[in-house]
Amino acid sequence: MVQSNEVEAAIRLALPDAQVTVEDLKGGGDHLQVKVISNAFAGLSRIHQHQLVYGALKEQLANEVIHALALSTATPN
């Protein structure tokens, strides 16, 4: 199980300006919905945006601490 604040911290380490929202979908800490808003996504395809976030969480994903990740990314308005 991973804590929401740990996920947020890992993403902000890679994307310091990110606004991150983490929702635990099943209450077990391993099925998460994450929304990330960052200027770093400007000009990038959705795939590349997601790759940046997956890269920030690669350890948690590789260790299967995060089993399922629903991801939404965007640039600030």
C-alpha atoms as a PDB file:
ATOM      1  CA  MET A   1       0.000   0.000   0.000  1.00  0.00           C
ATOM      2  CA  VAL A   2       1.206   3.481  -0.828  1.00  0.00           C
ATOM      3  CA  GLN A   3       0.023   6.670   0.834  1.00  0.00           C
ATOM      4  CA  SER A   4      -1.445   9.460  -1.286  1.00  0.00           C
ATOM      5  CA  ASN A   5       1.133  11.927  -0.015  1.00  0.00           C
ATOM      6  CA  GLU A   6       3.955   9.599  -1.131  1.00  0.00           C
ATOM      7  CA  VAL A   7       2.540   9.491  -4.658  1.00  0.00           C
ATOM      8  CA  GLU A   8       2.157  13.257  -4.675  1.00  0.00           C
ATOM      9  CA  ALA A   9       5.734  13.741  -3.423  1.00  0.00           C
ATOM     10  CA  ALA A  10       7.182  11.400  -6.070  1.00  0.00           C
ATOM     11  CA  ILE A  11       5.377  13.260  -8.848  1.00  0.00           C
ATOM     12  CA  ARG A  12       6.399  16.668  -7.500  1.00  0.00           C
ATOM     13  CA  LEU A  13      10.005  15.529  -7.328  1.00  0.00           C
ATOM     14  CA  ALA A  14       9.913  14.970 -11.091  1.00  0.00           C
ATOM     15  CA  LEU A  15       7.520  17.851 -11.862  1.00  0.00           C
ATOM     16  CA  PRO A  16       8.087  20.534  -9.187  1.00  0.00           C
ATOM     17  CA  ASP A  17       5.289  22.848 -10.393  1.00  0.00           C
ATOM     18  CA  ALA A  18       2.697  20.068 -10.536  1.00  0.00           C
ATOM     19  CA  GLN A  19      -0.717  20.302  -8.984  1.00  0.00           C
ATOM     20  CA  VAL A  20      -1.467  16.726  -7.965  1.00  0.00           C
ATOM     21  CA  THR A  21      -4.705  15.126  -6.816  1.00  0.00           C
ATOM     22  CA  VAL A  22      -4.655  11.506  -5.676  1.00  0.00           C
ATOM     23  CA  GLU A  23      -7.815   9.485  -5.032  1.00  0.00           C
ATOM     24  CA  ASP A  24      -7.754   5.966  -3.599  1.00  0.00           C
ATOM     25  CA  LEU A  25     -10.429   4.172  -5.633  1.00  0.00           C
ATOM     26  CA  LYS A  26     -10.829   1.018  -3.531  1.00  0.00           C
ATOM     27  CA  GLY A  27      -9.501   1.988  -0.108  1.00  0.00           C
ATOM     28  CA  GLY A  28      -6.510  -0.338  -0.263  1.00  0.00           C
ATOM     29  CA  GLY A  29      -3.986   2.195  -1.541  1.00  0.00           C
ATOM     30  CA  ASP A  30      -3.130   0.232  -4.684  1.00  0.00           C
ATOM     31  CA  HIS A  31      -5.875   1.382  -7.101  1.00  0.00           C
ATOM     32  CA  LEU A  32      -5.420   5.095  -7.636  1.00  0.00           C
ATOM     33  CA  GLN A  33      -6.850   7.879  -9.731  1.00  0.00           C
ATOM     34  CA  VAL A  34      -4.285  10.640 -10.182  1.00  0.00           C
ATOM     35  CA  LYS A  35      -4.745  14.044 -11.807  1.00  0.00           C
ATOM     36  CA  VAL A  36      -1.632  16.061 -12.618  1.00  0.00           C
ATOM     37  CA  ILE A  37      -1.511  19.620 -13.948  1.00  0.00           C
ATOM     38  CA  SER A  38       1.916  20.943 -14.939  1.00  0.00           C
ATOM     39  CA  ASN A  39       3.544  23.453 -17.265  1.00  0.00           C
ATOM     40  CA  ALA A  40       6.008  20.686 -18.145  1.00  0.00           C
ATOM     41  CA  PHE A  41       3.257  19.098 -20.262  1.00  0.00           C
ATOM     42  CA  ALA A  42       3.048  22.081 -22.640  1.00  0.00           C
ATOM     43  CA  GLY A  43       3.521  20.959 -26.232  1.00  0.00           C
ATOM     44  CA  LEU A  44       3.687  17.267 -25.319  1.00  0.00           C
ATOM     45  CA  SER A  45       1.318  14.581 -26.541  1.00  0.00           C
ATOM     46  CA  ARG A  46      -0.896  12.897 -23.960  1.00  0.00           C
ATOM     47  CA  ILE A  47       1.330   9.801 -24.224  1.00  0.00           C
ATOM     48  CA  HIS A  48       4.463  11.796 -23.395  1.00  0.00           C
ATOM     49  CA  GLN A  49       2.678  13.534 -20.522  1.00  0.00           C
ATOM     50  CA  HIS A  50       1.719  10.168 -19.067  1.00  0.00           C
ATOM     51  CA  GLN A  51       5.236   8.825 -19.573  1.00  0.00           C
ATOM     52  CA  LEU A  52       6.589  11.648 -17.400  1.00  0.00           C
ATOM     53  CA  VAL A  53       4.225  10.673 -14.584  1.00  0.00           C
ATOM     54  CA  TYR A  54       4.877   6.939 -15.012  1.00  0.00           C
ATOM     55  CA  GLY A  55       8.593   7.717 -14.824  1.00  0.00           C
ATOM     56  CA  ALA A  56       8.074   9.524 -11.529  1.00  0.00           C
ATOM     57  CA  LEU A  57       6.217   6.486 -10.156  1.00  0.00           C
ATOM     58  CA  LYS A  58       8.324   3.757 -11.770  1.00  0.00           C
ATOM     59  CA  GLU A  59       9.483   2.268  -8.470  1.00  0.00           C
ATOM     60  CA  GLN A  60       5.957   2.025  -7.048  1.00  0.00           C
ATOM     61  CA  LEU A  61       4.657   0.557 -10.305  1.00  0.00           C
ATOM     62  CA  ALA A  62       7.543  -1.919 -10.661  1.00  0.00           C
ATOM     63  CA  ASN A  63       7.093  -3.135  -7.079  1.00  0.00           C
ATOM     64  CA  GLU A  64       3.332  -3.333  -7.666  1.00  0.00           C
ATOM     65  CA  VAL A  65       2.699  -1.088  -4.685  1.00  0.00           C
ATOM     66  CA  ILE A  66       0.459   0.660  -7.184  1.00  0.00           C
ATOM     67  CA  HIS A  67      -1.525  -2.029  -8.960  1.00  0.00           C
ATOM     68  CA  ALA A  68      -3.822   0.171 -11.063  1.00  0.00           C
ATOM     69  CA  LEU A  69      -3.400   3.808 -12.044  1.00  0.00           C
ATOM     70  CA  ALA A  70      -6.070   5.906 -13.742  1.00  0.00           C
ATOM     71  CA  LEU A  71      -4.166   8.978 -14.930  1.00  0.00           C
ATOM     72  CA  SER A  72      -5.332  12.366 -16.134  1.00  0.00           C
ATOM     73  CA  THR A  73      -2.845  15.052 -17.201  1.00  0.00           C
ATOM     74  CA  ALA A  74      -3.226  18.642 -18.355  1.00  0.00           C
ATOM     75  CA  THR A  75      -1.509  22.006 -18.593  1.00  0.00           C
ATOM     76  CA  PRO A  76      -2.707  24.939 -16.478  1.00  0.00           C
ATOM     77  CA  ASN A  77      -5.338  27.198 -18.052  1.00  0.00           C
END
